[in-house]
Each structure stands twice: as C-alpha cells, then as structure tokens.
Amino acid sequence: MGRRLVPPCYDFFGKVVGSKECAEGQIFIEPQGMCIVAGIGLENGMAKKSLSSVRERLATPHGSCSTSLPTPTTPRARRNLDIPEGYKENAGVFCHTNPWLMIGEAMVGNGEGALDYYMRINPSAREEISEIHRCEPYVYAQMIAGKDAPTPGEPRTPG
C-alpha cells in the first residue's frame, strides 16, 4: 500500500494551514493526542516522536497549547476571527484536550511525562501563581491563556 496523503486545511483567505511551509499551524494537539489514544504509532515509534514534537513546540508552563488555530498564534491582521493571541483556539490551553497527551504519554510508558502535563493544568498545583490563575484550587478552567496572551496562565471558565 502506498502512503495516504491527507488533504490540506485552508483558512478563510484560501491559504494552506497545517503544513511545514506555514509559519504558524505546523502542529496541532488534537490529532497528535487522539491518534496515540487510538493506538496509532505505538508499534513503530511514531507515537513517541509525535509526543516529543508536541512537548517541544506546544508545551507551556500552563499546559500544552490546544489549538484549532496555529501556534505560534496567528496575528489578527492575517485572519478573519475575533480571538486574541494566546486565547481560546488561537494558542490557548484547553484543559479538556491536555488529558489526551497525558494518556498518550502513559501509553508509551512515560509516566513522568503524563504527570508533568497533569501538574501544569492541575488547579491545586497552580496555587503558587494564584494572583494570575485566580481560580479556586478545585476548579478546572475551560482554558488557560497561552504564552502569547497578555497574561499567560490566566484562566477562562465557561459562562
């Protein structure tokens, strides 16, 4: 069997997103984590390679950027969205997608890596930066502002 090519993704302006030629949007947390959870790449070492790339390119002190849009962030001038840099889908840290990386790290035998990702978003572990995090130690934020936000580590909760 030949290699299956995945069609590219395009932004509002018709430019390719999610390719090595892009300044932004070269790697996304969702497919990396979910593919490993599905067992893809475990036998041939690609899962470990994928997790290494996520840690190198998406991990922040506040969790891994969980983006539907690129990281580094996409400047507002080049997109037709009203999401500031470092928030939500523009390189923010979604707390519901980081567990996919934790599970992936555990599946490849890296318990320390799984724990590390957990501690980055664990509300009680963020008490030392409560002046920034501003959530009760038992409340998981919907998302945490990413490294390109004006206040990295600041939470956002639904509602």
C-alpha atoms as a PDB file:
ATOM      1  CA  MET A   1       0.000   0.000   0.000  1.00  0.00           C
ATOM      2  CA  GLY A   2       1.147   3.492  -0.770  1.00  0.00           C
ATOM      3  CA  ARG A   3       1.232   6.338   1.671  1.00  0.00           C
ATOM      4  CA  ARG A   4      -2.134   8.036   2.114  1.00  0.00           C
ATOM      5  CA  LEU A   5      -1.980  11.777   1.701  1.00  0.00           C
ATOM      6  CA  VAL A   6      -4.142  13.952   3.916  1.00  0.00           C
ATOM      7  CA  PRO A   7      -5.721  16.901   2.117  1.00  0.00           C
ATOM      8  CA  PRO A   8      -4.604  20.294   3.390  1.00  0.00           C
ATOM      9  CA  CYS A   9      -6.706  22.603   5.502  1.00  0.00           C
ATOM     10  CA  TYR A  10      -7.381  26.149   4.315  1.00  0.00           C
ATOM     11  CA  ASP A  11      -8.017  29.362   6.217  1.00  0.00           C
ATOM     12  CA  PHE A  12     -10.671  31.980   5.439  1.00  0.00           C
ATOM     13  CA  PHE A  13      -8.401  33.540   2.798  1.00  0.00           C
ATOM     14  CA  GLY A  14      -7.670  30.264   0.975  1.00  0.00           C
ATOM     15  CA  LYS A  15      -4.144  29.861   2.328  1.00  0.00           C
ATOM     16  CA  VAL A  16      -2.925  26.414   3.419  1.00  0.00           C
ATOM     17  CA  VAL A  17      -2.872  25.788   7.183  1.00  0.00           C
ATOM     18  CA  GLY A  18      -1.146  22.857   8.867  1.00  0.00           C
ATOM     19  CA  SER A  19       1.920  22.330   6.743  1.00  0.00           C
ATOM     20  CA  LYS A  20       5.662  22.600   7.249  1.00  0.00           C
ATOM     21  CA  GLU A  21       5.643  25.528   4.826  1.00  0.00           C
ATOM     22  CA  CYS A  22       3.389  27.571   7.153  1.00  0.00           C
ATOM     23  CA  ALA A  23       4.892  29.975   9.664  1.00  0.00           C
ATOM     24  CA  GLU A  24       2.046  29.017  12.003  1.00  0.00           C
ATOM     25  CA  GLY A  25      -0.087  25.917  12.193  1.00  0.00           C
ATOM     26  CA  GLN A  26       2.534  23.249  11.693  1.00  0.00           C
ATOM     27  CA  ILE A  27       1.384  21.026  14.561  1.00  0.00           C
ATOM     28  CA  PHE A  28      -1.853  20.653  16.490  1.00  0.00           C
ATOM     29  CA  ILE A  29      -2.516  18.912  19.806  1.00  0.00           C
ATOM     30  CA  GLU A  30      -5.810  17.291  18.813  1.00  0.00           C
ATOM     31  CA  PRO A  31      -4.599  14.868  16.125  1.00  0.00           C
ATOM     32  CA  GLN A  32      -1.350  14.156  17.973  1.00  0.00           C
ATOM     33  CA  GLY A  33      -3.090  13.116  21.175  1.00  0.00           C
ATOM     34  CA  MET A  34      -6.110  11.375  19.676  1.00  0.00           C
ATOM     35  CA  CYS A  35      -4.067   9.277  17.243  1.00  0.00           C
ATOM     36  CA  ILE A  36      -1.993   7.912  20.111  1.00  0.00           C
ATOM     37  CA  VAL A  37      -5.102   7.225  22.208  1.00  0.00           C
ATOM     38  CA  ALA A  38      -6.378   5.269  19.177  1.00  0.00           C
ATOM     39  CA  GLY A  39      -3.153   3.244  19.168  1.00  0.00           C
ATOM     40  CA  ILE A  40      -1.654   4.772  16.036  1.00  0.00           C
ATOM     41  CA  GLY A  41       2.139   4.885  16.043  1.00  0.00           C
ATOM     42  CA  LEU A  42       2.682   2.810  19.162  1.00  0.00           C
ATOM     43  CA  GLU A  43       4.367  -0.077  17.375  1.00  0.00           C
ATOM     44  CA  ASN A  44       6.638   1.874  15.042  1.00  0.00           C
ATOM     45  CA  GLY A  45       7.792   4.627  17.434  1.00  0.00           C
ATOM     46  CA  MET A  46       5.859   7.418  15.723  1.00  0.00           C
ATOM     47  CA  ALA A  47       3.749   7.994  18.866  1.00  0.00           C
ATOM     48  CA  LYS A  48       6.878   8.839  20.867  1.00  0.00           C
ATOM     49  CA  LYS A  49       8.107  11.079  18.055  1.00  0.00           C
ATOM     50  CA  SER A  50       4.750  12.848  17.952  1.00  0.00           C
ATOM     51  CA  LEU A  51       4.725  13.404  21.715  1.00  0.00           C
ATOM     52  CA  SER A  52       8.269  14.726  21.553  1.00  0.00           C
ATOM     53  CA  SER A  53       7.215  17.243  18.903  1.00  0.00           C
ATOM     54  CA  VAL A  54       4.210  18.320  20.981  1.00  0.00           C
ATOM     55  CA  ARG A  55       6.399  18.836  24.051  1.00  0.00           C
ATOM     56  CA  GLU A  56       8.983  20.778  22.038  1.00  0.00           C
ATOM     57  CA  ARG A  57       6.575  23.000  20.137  1.00  0.00           C
ATOM     58  CA  LEU A  58       3.312  23.275  22.075  1.00  0.00           C
ATOM     59  CA  ALA A  59       4.089  22.794  25.781  1.00  0.00           C
ATOM     60  CA  THR A  60       3.992  25.850  28.027  1.00  0.00           C
ATOM     61  CA  PRO A  61       4.279  26.150  31.818  1.00  0.00           C
ATOM     62  CA  HIS A  62       0.457  26.286  31.833  1.00  0.00           C
ATOM     63  CA  GLY A  63      -0.189  23.174  29.708  1.00  0.00           C
ATOM     64  CA  SER A  64       0.099  22.410  26.021  1.00  0.00           C
ATOM     65  CA  CYS A  65      -1.430  24.803  23.560  1.00  0.00           C
ATOM     66  CA  SER A  66      -4.593  23.132  22.495  1.00  0.00           C
ATOM     67  CA  THR A  67      -5.238  24.773  19.234  1.00  0.00           C
ATOM     68  CA  SER A  68      -7.569  24.558  16.345  1.00  0.00           C
ATOM     69  CA  LEU A  69      -5.736  27.559  15.049  1.00  0.00           C
ATOM     70  CA  PRO A  70      -1.954  27.663  14.919  1.00  0.00           C
ATOM     71  CA  THR A  71       0.768  28.041  17.397  1.00  0.00           C
ATOM     72  CA  PRO A  72       2.589  30.313  17.346  1.00  0.00           C
ATOM     73  CA  THR A  73      -0.507  32.446  17.336  1.00  0.00           C
ATOM     74  CA  THR A  74      -1.917  33.918  14.187  1.00  0.00           C
ATOM     75  CA  PRO A  75      -1.805  37.722  14.214  1.00  0.00           C
ATOM     76  CA  ARG A  76      -5.242  39.312  13.836  1.00  0.00           C
ATOM     77  CA  ALA A  77      -4.147  41.074  10.662  1.00  0.00           C
ATOM     78  CA  ARG A  78      -3.872  37.706   8.870  1.00  0.00           C
ATOM     79  CA  ARG A  79      -7.132  36.096   9.918  1.00  0.00           C
ATOM     80  CA  ASN A  80     -10.817  36.809   9.950  1.00  0.00           C
ATOM     81  CA  LEU A  81     -11.532  35.865  13.564  1.00  0.00           C
ATOM     82  CA  ASP A  82     -12.011  37.845  16.731  1.00  0.00           C
ATOM     83  CA  ILE A  83      -9.859  35.701  19.030  1.00  0.00           C
ATOM     84  CA  PRO A  84      -6.920  37.498  20.639  1.00  0.00           C
ATOM     85  CA  GLU A  85      -3.479  35.918  20.503  1.00  0.00           C
ATOM     86  CA  GLY A  86      -2.991  33.311  23.224  1.00  0.00           C
ATOM     87  CA  TYR A  87      -6.690  32.787  23.971  1.00  0.00           C
ATOM     88  CA  LYS A  88      -9.126  30.028  23.078  1.00  0.00           C
ATOM     89  CA  GLU A  89      -8.425  28.479  19.659  1.00  0.00           C
ATOM     90  CA  ASN A  90      -5.584  30.926  18.966  1.00  0.00           C
ATOM     91  CA  ALA A  91      -2.916  29.089  21.015  1.00  0.00           C
ATOM     92  CA  GLY A  92      -4.748  28.957  24.325  1.00  0.00           C
ATOM     93  CA  VAL A  93      -4.515  25.906  26.586  1.00  0.00           C
ATOM     94  CA  PHE A  94      -7.768  23.946  26.647  1.00  0.00           C
ATOM     95  CA  CYS A  95      -7.878  21.810  29.777  1.00  0.00           C
ATOM     96  CA  HIS A  96     -10.072  19.142  28.171  1.00  0.00           C
ATOM     97  CA  THR A  97      -7.529  18.257  25.461  1.00  0.00           C
ATOM     98  CA  ASN A  98      -4.405  18.068  27.629  1.00  0.00           C
ATOM     99  CA  PRO A  99      -5.517  14.727  29.124  1.00  0.00           C
ATOM    100  CA  TRP A 100      -5.177  13.203  25.635  1.00  0.00           C
ATOM    101  CA  LEU A 101      -1.458  13.935  25.940  1.00  0.00           C
ATOM    102  CA  MET A 102      -1.381  12.519  29.470  1.00  0.00           C
ATOM    103  CA  ILE A 103      -2.967   9.301  28.231  1.00  0.00           C
ATOM    104  CA  GLY A 104      -0.597   9.220  25.250  1.00  0.00           C
ATOM    105  CA  GLU A 105       2.457   9.653  27.479  1.00  0.00           C
ATOM    106  CA  ALA A 106       1.221   6.834  29.718  1.00  0.00           C
ATOM    107  CA  MET A 107       0.596   4.594  26.701  1.00  0.00           C
ATOM    108  CA  VAL A 108       4.209   4.991  25.518  1.00  0.00           C
ATOM    109  CA  GLY A 109       5.493   4.282  29.038  1.00  0.00           C
ATOM    110  CA  ASN A 110       6.347   7.852  30.038  1.00  0.00           C
ATOM    111  CA  GLY A 111       4.564   8.201  33.385  1.00  0.00           C
ATOM    112  CA  GLU A 112       6.688  11.194  34.345  1.00  0.00           C
ATOM    113  CA  GLY A 113       5.627  12.999  31.168  1.00  0.00           C
ATOM    114  CA  ALA A 114       1.969  12.227  31.893  1.00  0.00           C
ATOM    115  CA  LEU A 115       2.305  13.554  35.441  1.00  0.00           C
ATOM    116  CA  ASP A 116       4.130  16.653  34.187  1.00  0.00           C
ATOM    117  CA  TYR A 117       1.244  17.547  31.848  1.00  0.00           C
ATOM    118  CA  TYR A 118      -1.253  16.917  34.650  1.00  0.00           C
ATOM    119  CA  MET A 119       0.569  19.200  37.078  1.00  0.00           C
ATOM    120  CA  ARG A 120       0.634  22.030  34.529  1.00  0.00           C
ATOM    121  CA  ILE A 121      -3.167  22.271  34.490  1.00  0.00           C
ATOM    122  CA  ASN A 122      -3.980  20.882  37.976  1.00  0.00           C
ATOM    123  CA  PRO A 123      -5.825  23.710  39.792  1.00  0.00           C
ATOM    124  CA  SER A 124      -4.421  22.879  43.233  1.00  0.00           C
ATOM    125  CA  ALA A 125      -0.863  22.818  41.853  1.00  0.00           C
ATOM    126  CA  ARG A 126      -1.387  26.332  40.450  1.00  0.00           C
ATOM    127  CA  GLU A 127      -1.943  27.909  43.894  1.00  0.00           C
ATOM    128  CA  GLU A 128       1.595  29.350  43.847  1.00  0.00           C
ATOM    129  CA  ILE A 129       0.510  31.561  40.948  1.00  0.00           C
ATOM    130  CA  SER A 130      -2.996  32.288  42.273  1.00  0.00           C
ATOM    131  CA  GLU A 131      -2.571  36.007  41.554  1.00  0.00           C
ATOM    132  CA  ILE A 132      -2.524  35.053  37.865  1.00  0.00           C
ATOM    133  CA  HIS A 133      -4.563  31.852  37.871  1.00  0.00           C
ATOM    134  CA  ARG A 134      -7.406  33.279  40.018  1.00  0.00           C
ATOM    135  CA  CYS A 135      -9.454  30.074  40.256  1.00  0.00           C
ATOM    136  CA  GLU A 136     -10.370  28.069  43.298  1.00  0.00           C
ATOM    137  CA  PRO A 137      -7.989  25.116  43.803  1.00  0.00           C
ATOM    138  CA  TYR A 138     -10.782  22.668  42.952  1.00  0.00           C
ATOM    139  CA  VAL A 139     -11.964  24.309  39.697  1.00  0.00           C
ATOM    140  CA  TYR A 140     -10.550  23.374  36.311  1.00  0.00           C
ATOM    141  CA  ALA A 141     -10.700  26.293  33.922  1.00  0.00           C
ATOM    142  CA  GLN A 142     -12.155  25.766  30.465  1.00  0.00           C
ATOM    143  CA  MET A 143      -8.941  27.218  29.067  1.00  0.00           C
ATOM    144  CA  ILE A 144      -5.784  28.885  30.311  1.00  0.00           C
ATOM    145  CA  ALA A 145      -4.246  31.816  28.454  1.00  0.00           C
ATOM    146  CA  GLY A 146      -1.252  30.694  26.393  1.00  0.00           C
ATOM    147  CA  LYS A 147       2.236  32.134  26.192  1.00  0.00           C
ATOM    148  CA  ASP A 148       1.306  34.800  23.607  1.00  0.00           C
ATOM    149  CA  ALA A 149      -1.548  36.241  25.692  1.00  0.00           C
ATOM    150  CA  PRO A 150      -1.105  39.495  27.636  1.00  0.00           C
ATOM    151  CA  THR A 151      -1.432  37.492  30.883  1.00  0.00           C
ATOM    152  CA  PRO A 152      -0.215  33.911  30.318  1.00  0.00           C
ATOM    153  CA  GLY A 153      -1.682  31.496  32.853  1.00  0.00           C
ATOM    154  CA  GLU A 154      -4.904  33.456  33.327  1.00  0.00           C
ATOM    155  CA  PRO A 155      -7.946  31.145  33.353  1.00  0.00           C
ATOM    156  CA  ARG A 156     -11.195  31.347  31.461  1.00  0.00           C
ATOM    157  CA  THR A 157     -14.186  29.395  32.665  1.00  0.00           C
ATOM    158  CA  PRO A 158     -17.392  28.707  30.780  1.00  0.00           C
ATOM    159  CA  GLY A 159     -20.271  31.074  31.270  1.00  0.00           C
END
